[in-house]
């Protein structure tokens, strides 16, 4: 599961997540697309927003990056 799938599963928009994280919508979009890596300071807030474990957030980020690299 990638970051976008976690977000959709939690029934939140990318704009809502970006606002709660205090980042621009484009920054969060880059996290989902795997073009920008989330910082360590974002792992816990994302886990809380998506109601998942921190490990699931990290694995989702890695999946987003892997999908981007595969094209």
N, C-alpha and C. Protein backbone atom coordinates (compact mmCIF):
# COMPACT_ATOMS: atom_id res chain seq x y z
N UNK A 1 0.85 -1.17 0.00
CA UNK A 1 0.00 0.00 0.00
C UNK A 1 0.90 1.24 0.00
N UNK A 2 0.59 2.20 -0.86
CA UNK A 2 1.39 3.43 -0.92
C UNK A 2 0.71 4.54 -0.12
N UNK A 3 1.35 5.72 -0.09
CA UNK A 3 0.80 6.83 0.70
C UNK A 3 -0.57 7.27 0.23
N UNK A 4 -0.77 7.31 -1.07
CA UNK A 4 -2.07 7.73 -1.59
C UNK A 4 -3.15 6.75 -1.13
N UNK A 5 -2.87 5.48 -1.20
CA UNK A 5 -3.84 4.47 -0.78
C UNK A 5 -4.17 4.60 0.71
N UNK A 6 -3.15 4.90 1.53
CA UNK A 6 -3.41 5.13 2.96
C UNK A 6 -4.33 6.32 3.15
N UNK A 7 -4.06 7.39 2.39
CA UNK A 7 -4.88 8.60 2.51
C UNK A 7 -6.31 8.33 2.09
N UNK A 8 -6.48 7.67 0.96
CA UNK A 8 -7.83 7.38 0.45
C UNK A 8 -8.57 6.48 1.43
N UNK A 9 -7.87 5.51 1.98
CA UNK A 9 -8.47 4.59 2.96
C UNK A 9 -8.95 5.36 4.19
N UNK A 10 -8.24 6.43 4.54
CA UNK A 10 -8.64 7.22 5.71
C UNK A 10 -9.69 8.28 5.37
N UNK A 11 -10.09 8.31 4.10
CA UNK A 11 -11.15 9.23 3.62
C UNK A 11 -10.79 10.70 3.82
N UNK A 12 -9.52 11.02 3.51
CA UNK A 12 -9.06 12.39 3.59
C UNK A 12 -8.58 12.85 2.22
N UNK A 13 -8.70 14.14 1.96
CA UNK A 13 -8.15 14.68 0.72
C UNK A 13 -6.68 15.02 0.94
N UNK A 14 -5.96 15.15 -0.15
CA UNK A 14 -4.56 15.55 -0.05
C UNK A 14 -4.44 16.93 0.56
N UNK A 15 -5.37 17.82 0.25
CA UNK A 15 -5.36 19.17 0.82
C UNK A 15 -5.54 19.13 2.33
N UNK A 16 -6.44 18.26 2.82
CA UNK A 16 -6.66 18.14 4.26
C UNK A 16 -5.40 17.64 4.96
N UNK A 17 -4.77 16.64 4.37
CA UNK A 17 -3.56 16.08 4.98
C UNK A 17 -2.45 17.13 4.99
N UNK A 18 -2.26 17.81 3.88
CA UNK A 18 -1.23 18.85 3.80
C UNK A 18 -1.45 19.92 4.86
N UNK A 19 -2.70 20.34 5.02
CA UNK A 19 -3.01 21.37 6.00
C UNK A 19 -2.68 20.90 7.42
N UNK A 20 -3.06 19.67 7.75
CA UNK A 20 -2.80 19.14 9.09
C UNK A 20 -1.31 18.97 9.35
N UNK A 21 -0.54 18.69 8.28
CA UNK A 21 0.90 18.54 8.43
C UNK A 21 1.63 19.88 8.43
N UNK A 22 0.94 20.91 7.96
CA UNK A 22 1.57 22.22 7.88
C UNK A 22 2.51 22.36 6.70
N UNK A 23 2.19 21.64 5.62
CA UNK A 23 3.00 21.74 4.39
C UNK A 23 2.10 22.14 3.23
N UNK A 24 2.72 22.59 2.16
CA UNK A 24 1.96 22.94 0.97
C UNK A 24 1.34 21.69 0.36
N UNK A 25 0.24 21.87 -0.32
CA UNK A 25 -0.44 20.76 -1.00
C UNK A 25 0.52 20.10 -1.98
N UNK A 26 1.32 20.90 -2.68
CA UNK A 26 2.27 20.35 -3.66
C UNK A 26 3.35 19.51 -2.97
N UNK A 27 3.75 19.91 -1.78
CA UNK A 27 4.74 19.12 -1.03
C UNK A 27 4.17 17.76 -0.69
N UNK A 28 2.94 17.74 -0.18
CA UNK A 28 2.34 16.45 0.15
C UNK A 28 2.15 15.61 -1.10
N UNK A 29 1.76 16.24 -2.19
CA UNK A 29 1.60 15.53 -3.45
C UNK A 29 2.91 14.86 -3.86
N UNK A 30 4.01 15.55 -3.66
CA UNK A 30 5.33 14.98 -3.97
C UNK A 30 5.64 13.78 -3.10
N UNK A 31 5.18 13.79 -1.83
CA UNK A 31 5.35 12.62 -0.97
C UNK A 31 4.62 11.43 -1.58
N UNK A 32 3.37 11.66 -1.98
CA UNK A 32 2.56 10.57 -2.55
C UNK A 32 3.16 10.04 -3.86
N UNK A 33 3.71 10.94 -4.66
CA UNK A 33 4.27 10.55 -5.95
C UNK A 33 5.66 9.93 -5.82
N UNK A 34 6.24 9.99 -4.64
CA UNK A 34 7.56 9.42 -4.42
C UNK A 34 8.69 10.28 -4.93
N UNK A 35 8.40 11.55 -5.26
CA UNK A 35 9.45 12.45 -5.74
C UNK A 35 10.11 13.21 -4.60
N UNK A 36 9.52 13.13 -3.42
CA UNK A 36 10.08 13.76 -2.23
C UNK A 36 9.86 12.81 -1.07
N UNK A 37 10.88 12.65 -0.23
CA UNK A 37 10.78 11.75 0.91
C UNK A 37 10.23 12.49 2.12
N UNK A 38 9.38 11.81 2.88
CA UNK A 38 8.87 12.42 4.10
C UNK A 38 9.99 12.48 5.12
N UNK A 39 9.97 13.53 5.93
CA UNK A 39 10.95 13.65 7.01
C UNK A 39 10.53 12.80 8.20
N UNK A 40 11.48 12.52 9.05
CA UNK A 40 11.18 11.74 10.25
C UNK A 40 10.10 12.40 11.09
N UNK A 41 10.07 13.73 11.07
CA UNK A 41 9.08 14.46 11.86
C UNK A 41 7.66 14.32 11.32
N UNK A 42 7.50 13.74 10.14
CA UNK A 42 6.18 13.56 9.54
C UNK A 42 5.60 12.17 9.78
N UNK A 43 6.41 11.24 10.22
CA UNK A 43 5.97 9.84 10.34
C UNK A 43 4.85 9.69 11.37
N UNK A 44 5.06 10.21 12.56
CA UNK A 44 4.05 10.06 13.62
C UNK A 44 2.76 10.80 13.25
N UNK A 45 2.85 12.07 12.80
CA UNK A 45 1.60 12.75 12.43
C UNK A 45 0.83 12.03 11.32
N UNK A 46 1.54 11.50 10.34
CA UNK A 46 0.86 10.76 9.27
C UNK A 46 0.21 9.49 9.81
N UNK A 47 0.91 8.79 10.68
CA UNK A 47 0.35 7.57 11.27
C UNK A 47 -0.93 7.89 12.04
N UNK A 48 -0.91 9.00 12.77
CA UNK A 48 -2.10 9.38 13.52
C UNK A 48 -3.24 9.80 12.59
N UNK A 49 -2.92 10.55 11.53
CA UNK A 49 -3.95 10.98 10.58
C UNK A 49 -4.60 9.79 9.88
N UNK A 50 -3.78 8.82 9.51
CA UNK A 50 -4.28 7.67 8.75
C UNK A 50 -4.70 6.51 9.64
N UNK A 51 -4.49 6.65 10.96
CA UNK A 51 -4.83 5.60 11.92
C UNK A 51 -4.15 4.28 11.58
N UNK A 52 -2.84 4.38 11.36
CA UNK A 52 -2.00 3.21 11.08
C UNK A 52 -0.75 3.32 11.94
N UNK A 53 0.11 2.32 11.86
CA UNK A 53 1.36 2.35 12.62
C UNK A 53 2.40 3.18 11.86
N UNK A 54 3.42 3.59 12.58
CA UNK A 54 4.52 4.32 11.96
C UNK A 54 5.19 3.45 10.89
N UNK A 55 5.30 2.17 11.18
CA UNK A 55 5.91 1.25 10.21
C UNK A 55 5.13 1.25 8.89
N UNK A 56 3.80 1.27 8.98
CA UNK A 56 2.98 1.28 7.77
C UNK A 56 3.20 2.56 6.96
N UNK A 57 3.42 3.68 7.64
CA UNK A 57 3.70 4.93 6.93
C UNK A 57 5.04 4.81 6.19
N UNK A 58 6.05 4.29 6.87
CA UNK A 58 7.37 4.14 6.25
C UNK A 58 7.27 3.19 5.05
N UNK A 59 6.59 2.07 5.22
CA UNK A 59 6.44 1.11 4.12
C UNK A 59 5.67 1.73 2.96
N UNK A 60 4.67 2.56 3.27
CA UNK A 60 3.89 3.22 2.22
C UNK A 60 4.76 4.21 1.45
N UNK A 61 5.62 4.94 2.16
CA UNK A 61 6.54 5.88 1.49
C UNK A 61 7.48 5.11 0.57
N UNK A 62 8.02 4.01 1.06
CA UNK A 62 8.92 3.20 0.23
C UNK A 62 8.18 2.65 -0.98
N UNK A 63 6.93 2.27 -0.83
CA UNK A 63 6.13 1.78 -1.97
C UNK A 63 5.91 2.89 -2.97
N UNK A 64 5.66 4.11 -2.50
CA UNK A 64 5.45 5.25 -3.41
C UNK A 64 6.70 5.50 -4.23
N UNK A 65 7.86 5.45 -3.57
CA UNK A 65 9.14 5.68 -4.27
C UNK A 65 9.38 4.56 -5.28
N UNK A 66 9.15 3.31 -4.86
CA UNK A 66 9.37 2.17 -5.75
C UNK A 66 8.48 2.24 -6.99
N UNK A 67 7.22 2.64 -6.80
CA UNK A 67 6.30 2.77 -7.94
C UNK A 67 6.78 3.84 -8.91
N UNK A 68 7.29 4.94 -8.37
CA UNK A 68 7.80 6.01 -9.21
C UNK A 68 9.00 5.54 -10.03
N UNK A 69 9.89 4.80 -9.37
CA UNK A 69 11.09 4.32 -10.06
C UNK A 69 10.77 3.30 -11.14
N UNK A 70 9.71 2.55 -10.95
CA UNK A 70 9.30 1.57 -11.97
C UNK A 70 8.67 2.26 -13.18
N UNK A 71 8.16 3.46 -12.92
CA UNK A 71 7.56 4.23 -14.02
C UNK A 71 6.18 3.90 -14.21
